[in-house]
C-alpha atoms as a PDB file:
ATOM      1  CA  MET A   1     -38.652 118.285 -54.274  1.00  0.00           C
ATOM      2  CA  ARG A   2     -38.546 115.972 -57.280  1.00  0.00           C
ATOM      3  CA  LYS A   3     -34.774 115.587 -56.873  1.00  0.00           C
ATOM      4  CA  ILE A   4     -35.165 114.698 -53.206  1.00  0.00           C
ATOM      5  CA  PHE A   5     -37.872 112.167 -54.049  1.00  0.00           C
ATOM      6  CA  LYS A   6     -35.684 110.614 -56.742  1.00  0.00           C
ATOM      7  CA  THR A   7     -32.732 110.370 -54.350  1.00  0.00           C
ATOM      8  CA  LEU A   8     -34.860 108.729 -51.679  1.00  0.00           C
ATOM      9  CA  PHE A   9     -36.263 106.311 -54.255  1.00  0.00           C
ATOM     10  CA  LEU A  10     -32.768 105.331 -55.410  1.00  0.00           C
ATOM     11  CA  ILE A  11     -31.642 104.804 -51.809  1.00  0.00           C
ATOM     12  CA  PHE A  12     -34.685 102.664 -51.075  1.00  0.00           C
ATOM     13  CA  ALA A  13     -34.210 100.685 -54.314  1.00  0.00           C
ATOM     14  CA  GLY A  14     -30.549 100.114 -53.489  1.00  0.00           C
ATOM     15  CA  ILE A  15     -31.392  98.849 -50.013  1.00  0.00           C
ATOM     16  CA  LEU A  16     -34.098  96.568 -51.412  1.00  0.00           C
ATOM     17  CA  VAL A  17     -31.807  95.134 -54.092  1.00  0.00           C
ATOM     18  CA  GLY A  18     -29.068  94.580 -51.519  1.00  0.00           C
ATOM     19  CA  PHE A  19     -31.519  92.862 -49.162  1.00  0.00           C
ATOM     20  CA  LEU A  20     -32.837  90.581 -51.907  1.00  0.00           C
ATOM     21  CA  ALA A  21     -29.329  89.742 -53.098  1.00  0.00           C
ATOM     22  CA  TYR A  22     -28.340  88.804 -49.544  1.00  0.00           C
ATOM     23  CA  GLN A  23     -31.369  86.505 -49.224  1.00  0.00           C
ATOM     24  CA  VAL A  24     -30.508  84.801 -52.510  1.00  0.00           C
ATOM     25  CA  ILE A  25     -26.975  84.159 -51.227  1.00  0.00           C
ATOM     26  CA  MET A  26     -28.331  82.762 -47.959  1.00  0.00           C
ATOM     27  CA  PHE A  27     -30.806  80.560 -49.810  1.00  0.00           C
ATOM     28  CA  ILE A  28     -27.958  79.093 -51.888  1.00  0.00           C
ATOM     29  CA  ARG A  29     -25.876  78.481 -48.749  1.00  0.00           C
ATOM     30  CA  ILE A  30     -28.767  76.681 -47.100  1.00  0.00           C
ATOM     31  CA  ALA A  31     -29.497  74.609 -50.209  1.00  0.00           C
ATOM     32  CA  ARG A  32     -25.886  73.389 -50.107  1.00  0.00           C
ATOM     33  CA  LEU A  33     -26.482  72.005 -46.615  1.00  0.00           C
ATOM     34  CA  LYS A  34     -28.342  69.109 -48.225  1.00  0.00           C
ATOM     35  CA  THR A  35     -24.978  67.503 -48.928  1.00  0.00           C
ATOM     36  CA  GLU A  36     -22.312  69.762 -47.414  1.00  0.00           C
ATOM     37  CA  THR A  37     -21.179  69.828 -43.796  1.00  0.00           C
ATOM     38  CA  PRO A  38     -20.589  73.347 -42.449  1.00  0.00           C
ATOM     39  CA  LEU A  39     -16.993  73.821 -41.329  1.00  0.00           C
ATOM     40  CA  SER A  40     -17.944  76.384 -38.722  1.00  0.00           C
ATOM     41  CA  THR A  41     -20.916  78.398 -37.457  1.00  0.00           C
ATOM     42  CA  SER A  42     -21.620  81.892 -36.213  1.00  0.00           C
ATOM     43  CA  LEU A  43     -21.844  80.537 -32.661  1.00  0.00           C
ATOM     44  CA  ILE A  44     -18.504  78.729 -32.879  1.00  0.00           C
ATOM     45  CA  GLU A  45     -16.800  81.823 -34.276  1.00  0.00           C
ATOM     46  CA  THR A  46     -18.369  83.978 -31.567  1.00  0.00           C
ATOM     47  CA  ARG A  47     -17.084  81.666 -28.830  1.00  0.00           C
ATOM     48  CA  ALA A  48     -13.620  81.643 -30.415  1.00  0.00           C
ATOM     49  CA  ASN A  49     -13.537  85.437 -30.508  1.00  0.00           C
ATOM     50  CA  GLU A  50     -14.672  85.608 -26.885  1.00  0.00           C
ATOM     51  CA  ALA A  51     -11.845  83.301 -25.850  1.00  0.00           C
ATOM     52  CA  ARG A  52      -9.237  85.302 -27.770  1.00  0.00           C
ATOM     53  CA  SER A  53     -10.486  88.569 -26.258  1.00  0.00           C
ATOM     54  CA  GLN A  54      -9.873  87.018 -22.834  1.00  0.00           C
ATOM     55  CA  GLY A  55      -6.377  85.931 -23.799  1.00  0.00           C
ATOM     56  CA  ARG A  56      -7.308  82.243 -24.087  1.00  0.00           C
ATOM     57  CA  GLU A  57      -6.825  79.810 -26.931  1.00  0.00           C
ATOM     58  CA  PRO A  58     -10.246  78.760 -28.299  1.00  0.00           C
ATOM     59  CA  LYS A  59     -11.302  75.190 -27.540  1.00  0.00           C
ATOM     60  CA  ARG A  60     -13.145  73.024 -30.006  1.00  0.00           C
ATOM     61  CA  GLU A  61     -14.116  69.408 -29.448  1.00  0.00           C
ATOM     62  CA  GLN A  62     -16.264  68.224 -32.328  1.00  0.00           C
ATOM     63  CA  LEU A  63     -16.683  65.071 -34.395  1.00  0.00           C
ATOM     64  CA  TRP A  64     -19.381  64.925 -37.052  1.00  0.00           C
ATOM     65  CA  VAL A  65     -21.555  61.791 -37.135  1.00  0.00           C
ATOM     66  CA  ALA A  66     -24.578  60.796 -39.215  1.00  0.00           C
ATOM     67  CA  LEU A  67     -27.976  60.843 -37.529  1.00  0.00           C
ATOM     68  CA  GLU A  68     -27.986  57.037 -37.621  1.00  0.00           C
ATOM     69  CA  ARG A  69     -24.990  57.082 -35.269  1.00  0.00           C
ATOM     70  CA  ILE A  70     -26.746  59.254 -32.687  1.00  0.00           C
ATOM     71  CA  SER A  71     -28.796  57.329 -30.142  1.00  0.00           C
ATOM     72  CA  PRO A  72     -32.575  57.508 -30.657  1.00  0.00           C
ATOM     73  CA  ASN A  73     -32.642  58.252 -26.924  1.00  0.00           C
ATOM     74  CA  LEU A  74     -30.782  61.505 -27.493  1.00  0.00           C
ATOM     75  CA  GLN A  75     -32.914  62.398 -30.489  1.00  0.00           C
ATOM     76  CA  ARG A  76     -36.096  61.989 -28.452  1.00  0.00           C
ATOM     77  CA  ALA A  77     -34.613  63.723 -25.402  1.00  0.00           C
ATOM     78  CA  VAL A  78     -33.650  66.792 -27.402  1.00  0.00           C
ATOM     79  CA  LEU A  79     -37.063  66.939 -29.052  1.00  0.00           C
ATOM     80  CA  ALA A  80     -38.786  66.504 -25.670  1.00  0.00           C
ATOM     81  CA  GLY A  81     -36.744  69.314 -24.170  1.00  0.00           C
ATOM     82  CA  GLU A  82     -36.613  71.742 -27.070  1.00  0.00           C
ATOM     83  CA  ASP A  83     -39.292  71.096 -29.676  1.00  0.00           C
ATOM     84  CA  THR A  84     -41.975  68.479 -29.041  1.00  0.00           C
ATOM     85  CA  ASN A  85     -43.856  69.363 -32.230  1.00  0.00           C
ATOM     86  CA  PHE A  86     -40.783  69.272 -34.469  1.00  0.00           C
ATOM     87  CA  MET A  87     -42.226  66.637 -36.803  1.00  0.00           C
ATOM     88  CA  THR A  88     -45.492  68.478 -37.431  1.00  0.00           C
ATOM     89  CA  HIS A  89     -44.651  72.178 -37.582  1.00  0.00           C
ATOM     90  CA  HIS A  90     -43.052  74.034 -40.500  1.00  0.00           C
ATOM     91  CA  GLY A  91     -40.429  75.895 -38.534  1.00  0.00           C
ATOM     92  CA  PHE A  92     -42.628  77.787 -36.093  1.00  0.00           C
ATOM     93  CA  ASP A  93     -44.575  76.201 -33.246  1.00  0.00           C
ATOM     94  CA  TYR A  94     -47.701  78.009 -32.106  1.00  0.00           C
ATOM     95  CA  GLY A  95     -49.219  75.024 -30.294  1.00  0.00           C
ATOM     96  CA  ALA A  96     -50.266  74.881 -26.659  1.00  0.00           C
ATOM     97  CA  ILE A  97     -48.000  73.518 -23.935  1.00  0.00           C
ATOM     98  CA  GLN A  98     -48.502  69.807 -23.564  1.00  0.00           C
ATOM     99  CA  LYS A  99     -49.960  68.406 -20.333  1.00  0.00           C
ATOM    100  CA  VAL A 100     -46.905  66.342 -19.557  1.00  0.00           C
ATOM    101  CA  TRP A 101     -44.706  69.439 -19.787  1.00  0.00           C
ATOM    102  CA  ASP A 102     -47.004  71.497 -17.575  1.00  0.00           C
ATOM    103  CA  GLN A 103     -47.058  68.769 -14.962  1.00  0.00           C
ATOM    104  CA  GLY A 104     -43.301  68.454 -15.088  1.00  0.00           C
ATOM    105  CA  MET A 105     -42.897  72.190 -14.580  1.00  0.00           C
ATOM    106  CA  ARG A 106     -45.170  72.192 -11.540  1.00  0.00           C
ATOM    107  CA  GLU A 107     -43.330  69.260 -10.010  1.00  0.00           C
ATOM    108  CA  ALA A 108     -39.972  70.896 -10.695  1.00  0.00           C
ATOM    109  CA  ALA A 109     -41.088  74.050  -8.877  1.00  0.00           C
ATOM    110  CA  LYS A 110     -42.240  71.999  -5.890  1.00  0.00           C
ATOM    111  CA  GLU A 111     -38.937  70.109  -5.788  1.00  0.00           C
ATOM    112  CA  ALA A 112     -37.020  73.378  -5.939  1.00  0.00           C
ATOM    113  CA  LYS A 113     -38.884  74.729  -2.909  1.00  0.00           C
ATOM    114  CA  LYS A 114     -38.362  71.507  -0.957  1.00  0.00           C
ATOM    115  CA  GLU A 115     -34.641  71.737  -1.668  1.00  0.00           C
ATOM    116  CA  GLY A 116     -34.583  75.286  -0.322  1.00  0.00           C
ATOM    117  CA  GLU A 117     -34.229  76.975  -3.704  1.00  0.00           C
ATOM    118  CA  ASN A 118     -36.762  79.575  -4.760  1.00  0.00           C
ATOM    119  CA  ASP A 119     -38.348  79.449  -8.197  1.00  0.00           C
ATOM    120  CA  ASP A 120     -37.002  82.788  -9.456  1.00  0.00           C
ATOM    121  CA  TRP A 121     -35.181  80.839 -12.135  1.00  0.00           C
ATOM    122  CA  LEU A 122     -38.430  79.790 -13.862  1.00  0.00           C
ATOM    123  CA  PRO A 123     -39.424  83.083 -15.534  1.00  0.00           C
ATOM    124  CA  ASN A 124     -35.852  83.648 -16.685  1.00  0.00           C
ATOM    125  CA  LEU A 125     -35.672  80.444 -18.703  1.00  0.00           C
ATOM    126  CA  PRO A 126     -37.958  80.730 -21.742  1.00  0.00           C
ATOM    127  CA  ASP A 127     -36.433  77.578 -23.229  1.00  0.00           C
ATOM    128  CA  PHE A 128     -38.031  75.659 -20.375  1.00  0.00           C
ATOM    129  CA  LYS A 129     -41.444  76.265 -21.885  1.00  0.00           C
ATOM    130  CA  ARG A 130     -42.995  75.303 -25.180  1.00  0.00           C
ATOM    131  CA  GLY A 131     -43.409  78.247 -27.488  1.00  0.00           C
ATOM    132  CA  ALA A 132     -39.716  79.116 -27.358  1.00  0.00           C
ATOM    133  CA  SER A 133     -37.583  78.868 -30.481  1.00  0.00           C
ATOM    134  CA  THR A 134     -37.991  75.659 -32.432  1.00  0.00           C
ATOM    135  CA  ILE A 135     -35.028  73.517 -33.352  1.00  0.00           C
ATOM    136  CA  THR A 136     -35.112  74.953 -36.873  1.00  0.00           C
ATOM    137  CA  GLN A 137     -35.033  78.506 -35.525  1.00  0.00           C
ATOM    138  CA  GLN A 138     -32.180  77.630 -33.176  1.00  0.00           C
ATOM    139  CA  LEU A 139     -30.260  76.068 -36.063  1.00  0.00           C
ATOM    140  CA  ALA A 140     -30.729  79.196 -38.188  1.00  0.00           C
ATOM    141  CA  LYS A 141     -29.426  81.379 -35.371  1.00  0.00           C
ATOM    142  CA  ASN A 142     -26.477  79.120 -34.508  1.00  0.00           C
ATOM    143  CA  LEU A 143     -25.406  78.792 -38.127  1.00  0.00           C
ATOM    144  CA  TYR A 144     -25.601  82.349 -39.350  1.00  0.00           C
ATOM    145  CA  LEU A 145     -26.688  84.952 -36.794  1.00  0.00           C
ATOM    146  CA  SER A 146     -25.366  86.755 -33.751  1.00  0.00           C
ATOM    147  CA  SER A 147     -26.749  86.252 -30.263  1.00  0.00           C
ATOM    148  CA  GLN A 148     -27.692  89.926 -29.981  1.00  0.00           C
ATOM    149  CA  LYS A 149     -31.440  90.446 -29.879  1.00  0.00           C
ATOM    150  CA  SER A 150     -32.862  92.889 -32.397  1.00  0.00           C
ATOM    151  CA  PHE A 151     -35.841  93.252 -34.690  1.00  0.00           C
ATOM    152  CA  PHE A 152     -33.644  92.694 -37.750  1.00  0.00           C
ATOM    153  CA  ARG A 153     -32.082  89.536 -36.309  1.00  0.00           C
ATOM    154  CA  LYS A 154     -35.470  88.035 -35.452  1.00  0.00           C
ATOM    155  CA  GLY A 155     -36.727  88.886 -38.926  1.00  0.00           C
ATOM    156  CA  GLU A 156     -33.699  87.315 -40.584  1.00  0.00           C
ATOM    157  CA  GLU A 157     -34.046  84.276 -38.311  1.00  0.00           C
ATOM    158  CA  ALA A 158     -37.611  83.834 -39.552  1.00  0.00           C
ATOM    159  CA  ILE A 159     -36.525  84.025 -43.206  1.00  0.00           C
ATOM    160  CA  LEU A 160     -33.697  81.523 -42.689  1.00  0.00           C
ATOM    161  CA  THR A 161     -36.054  79.208 -40.814  1.00  0.00           C
ATOM    162  CA  ILE A 162     -38.396  79.183 -43.804  1.00  0.00           C
ATOM    163  CA  PHE A 163     -35.456  78.444 -46.131  1.00  0.00           C
ATOM    164  CA  LEU A 164     -34.245  75.572 -43.916  1.00  0.00           C
ATOM    165  CA  GLU A 165     -37.679  73.968 -43.715  1.00  0.00           C
ATOM    166  CA  ARG A 166     -38.202  74.359 -47.460  1.00  0.00           C
ATOM    167  CA  GLU A 167     -34.855  72.964 -48.609  1.00  0.00           C
ATOM    168  CA  LEU A 168     -33.978  70.340 -45.992  1.00  0.00           C
ATOM    169  CA  THR A 169     -35.711  67.278 -44.611  1.00  0.00           C
ATOM    170  CA  LYS A 170     -36.547  67.002 -40.928  1.00  0.00           C
ATOM    171  CA  ARG A 171     -33.857  64.339 -40.578  1.00  0.00           C
ATOM    172  CA  ARG A 172     -31.219  66.624 -42.060  1.00  0.00           C
ATOM    173  CA  ILE A 173     -32.280  69.571 -39.878  1.00  0.00           C
ATOM    174  CA  LEU A 174     -32.038  67.420 -36.753  1.00  0.00           C
ATOM    175  CA  GLU A 175     -28.720  65.949 -37.893  1.00  0.00           C
ATOM    176  CA  LEU A 176     -27.244  69.410 -38.401  1.00  0.00           C
ATOM    177  CA  TYR A 177     -28.606  70.629 -35.079  1.00  0.00           C
ATOM    178  CA  LEU A 178     -27.244  67.688 -33.080  1.00  0.00           C
ATOM    179  CA  ASN A 179     -23.815  68.009 -34.656  1.00  0.00           C
ATOM    180  CA  LEU A 180     -23.467  71.770 -34.201  1.00  0.00           C
ATOM    181  CA  ILE A 181     -25.121  72.563 -30.887  1.00  0.00           C
ATOM    182  CA  GLU A 182     -23.011  73.775 -27.958  1.00  0.00           C
ATOM    183  CA  TRP A 183     -22.688  71.402 -24.977  1.00  0.00           C
ATOM    184  CA  GLY A 184     -20.148  73.247 -22.849  1.00  0.00           C
ATOM    185  CA  ASP A 185     -17.018  75.323 -23.257  1.00  0.00           C
ATOM    186  CA  GLY A 186     -15.649  74.336 -26.657  1.00  0.00           C
ATOM    187  CA  ILE A 187     -17.811  71.193 -26.867  1.00  0.00           C
ATOM    188  CA  TYR A 188     -19.915  71.000 -30.030  1.00  0.00           C
ATOM    189  CA  GLY A 189     -22.133  68.207 -31.239  1.00  0.00           C
ATOM    190  CA  ALA A 190     -23.554  65.017 -29.794  1.00  0.00           C
ATOM    191  CA  GLU A 191     -20.467  62.853 -30.354  1.00  0.00           C
ATOM    192  CA  ALA A 192     -18.121  65.240 -28.548  1.00  0.00           C
ATOM    193  CA  ALA A 193     -20.644  65.705 -25.718  1.00  0.00           C
ATOM    194  CA  ALA A 194     -21.127  61.948 -25.251  1.00  0.00           C
ATOM    195  CA  GLU A 195     -17.375  61.369 -25.158  1.00  0.00           C
ATOM    196  CA  HIS A 196     -16.752  64.331 -22.849  1.00  0.00           C
ATOM    197  CA  TYR A 197     -19.424  63.585 -20.251  1.00  0.00           C
ATOM    198  CA  PHE A 198     -19.813  59.795 -20.491  1.00  0.00           C
ATOM    199  CA  HIS A 199     -16.710  58.524 -22.329  1.00  0.00           C
ATOM    200  CA  LYS A 200     -18.803  56.713 -24.914  1.00  0.00           C
ATOM    201  CA  PRO A 201     -20.048  57.371 -28.467  1.00  0.00           C
ATOM    202  CA  ALA A 202     -23.344  59.159 -29.029  1.00  0.00           C
ATOM    203  CA  SER A 203     -24.811  55.935 -30.414  1.00  0.00           C
ATOM    204  CA  ALA A 204     -24.518  54.251 -26.998  1.00  0.00           C
ATOM    205  CA  LEU A 205     -26.253  56.843 -24.817  1.00  0.00           C
ATOM    206  CA  SER A 206     -28.915  55.551 -22.439  1.00  0.00           C
ATOM    207  CA  ALA A 207     -32.210  57.360 -21.826  1.00  0.00           C
ATOM    208  CA  ASN A 208     -30.902  58.879 -18.582  1.00  0.00           C
ATOM    209  CA  GLU A 209     -27.668  60.039 -20.199  1.00  0.00           C
ATOM    210  CA  ALA A 210     -29.542  61.469 -23.175  1.00  0.00           C
ATOM    211  CA  ALA A 211     -31.932  63.384 -20.904  1.00  0.00           C
ATOM    212  CA  PHE A 212     -28.949  64.741 -18.964  1.00  0.00           C
ATOM    213  CA  LEU A 213     -27.374  66.133 -22.130  1.00  0.00           C
ATOM    214  CA  ALA A 214     -30.681  67.518 -23.386  1.00  0.00           C
ATOM    215  CA  ALA A 215     -31.222  69.239 -20.034  1.00  0.00           C
ATOM    216  CA  MET A 216     -28.084  71.317 -20.580  1.00  0.00           C
ATOM    217  CA  ILE A 217     -29.039  72.731 -23.965  1.00  0.00           C
ATOM    218  CA  PRO A 218     -30.637  76.092 -23.016  1.00  0.00           C
ATOM    219  CA  ASN A 219     -27.392  77.327 -21.433  1.00  0.00           C
ATOM    220  CA  PRO A 220     -24.693  74.663 -20.946  1.00  0.00           C
ATOM    221  CA  ARG A 221     -21.974  77.056 -19.848  1.00  0.00           C
ATOM    222  CA  THR A 222     -23.761  78.753 -16.928  1.00  0.00           C
ATOM    223  CA  VAL A 223     -27.404  78.187 -15.920  1.00  0.00           C
ATOM    224  CA  PHE A 224     -27.485  74.522 -16.953  1.00  0.00           C
ATOM    225  CA  ASN A 225     -23.828  73.741 -16.429  1.00  0.00           C
ATOM    226  CA  PRO A 226     -23.894  70.542 -14.299  1.00  0.00           C
ATOM    227  CA  GLN A 227     -20.745  71.629 -12.471  1.00  0.00           C
ATOM    228  CA  VAL A 228     -22.417  74.893 -11.442  1.00  0.00           C
ATOM    229  CA  ASN A 229     -26.115  74.025 -11.075  1.00  0.00           C
ATOM    230  CA  ALA A 230     -26.346  70.255 -10.750  1.00  0.00           C
ATOM    231  CA  ARG A 231     -29.798  70.309  -9.137  1.00  0.00           C
ATOM    232  CA  ARG A 232     -31.293  72.433 -11.902  1.00  0.00           C
ATOM    233  CA  VAL A 233     -29.893  70.088 -14.521  1.00  0.00           C
ATOM    234  CA  ALA A 234     -31.273  67.089 -12.611  1.00  0.00           C
ATOM    235  CA  ARG A 235     -34.739  68.623 -12.372  1.00  0.00           C
ATOM    236  CA  ARG A 236     -34.851  69.405 -16.080  1.00  0.00           C
ATOM    237  CA  GLN A 237     -33.475  65.928 -16.799  1.00  0.00           C
ATOM    238  CA  ARG A 238     -36.429  64.371 -14.952  1.00  0.00           C
ATOM    239  CA  ILE A 239     -38.933  66.500 -16.882  1.00  0.00           C
ATOM    240  CA  ILE A 240     -37.366  65.463 -20.183  1.00  0.00           C
ATOM    241  CA  LEU A 241     -37.418  61.777 -19.209  1.00  0.00           C
ATOM    242  CA  ARG A 242     -41.164  62.058 -18.620  1.00  0.00           C
ATOM    243  CA  GLY A 243     -41.694  63.632 -22.026  1.00  0.00           C
ATOM    244  CA  MET A 244     -39.479  61.357 -24.111  1.00  0.00           C
ATOM    245  CA  PRO A 245     -42.103  58.605 -24.719  1.00  0.00           C
ATOM    246  CA  TYR A 246     -44.478  61.171 -26.222  1.00  0.00           C
ATOM    247  CA  VAL A 247     -42.260  62.537 -28.991  1.00  0.00           C
ATOM    248  CA  ARG A 248     -41.447  61.084 -32.391  1.00  0.00           C
ATOM    249  CA  SER A 249     -38.057  61.466 -34.066  1.00  0.00           C
ATOM    250  CA  PRO A 250     -37.657  61.596 -37.861  1.00  0.00           C
END
């Protein structure tokens, strides 16, 4: 019995040491993001592998720009659509849904019915509602984690979110997010998205254009692909436009 207990203890200790060592490595990687630009992300590599498995050459349109070269319109639009409390929370947002967002959701549902489209899409889109992943959580997942849902992945996401908020400023977190986020098949970052959809730099985006891009974020390749579901994108765009005056960017 003592031998079994000792073996189990050594196994547990080994797992614990390995877990702690991994977190130290991740903390160092995140600390380097203060000054270093990531060359790739888990999401980008996943998309590349998906393309290769389908016999296609991976696409990648991306051009890194400083936050100062990204239109304040786009910064506010993304915060309005994804994380209205970004400036006040510490990585996790437990606040109530804002009135402007609730009203926008109700109006969107009414518009959908008028246009002959049922509202089955609402419950399937958690990113439409506040309380979904914050921008910091999304950044942690896009940078380092898989898209597969599991208890371990959510736990690791929480740890990485804490590291990001501790080591980086809000401006740097938003800058990383806007430069790495997916905006279509092989389109990554605000500059590439602005050039692809509007043939202009990200610094020149209008409020309407910024809201359009922000509307795509939850799923730009399918559900909120403007070539597939233009009306859904337009409805979310209108909601975001209403919310933009109420958010503050870093």
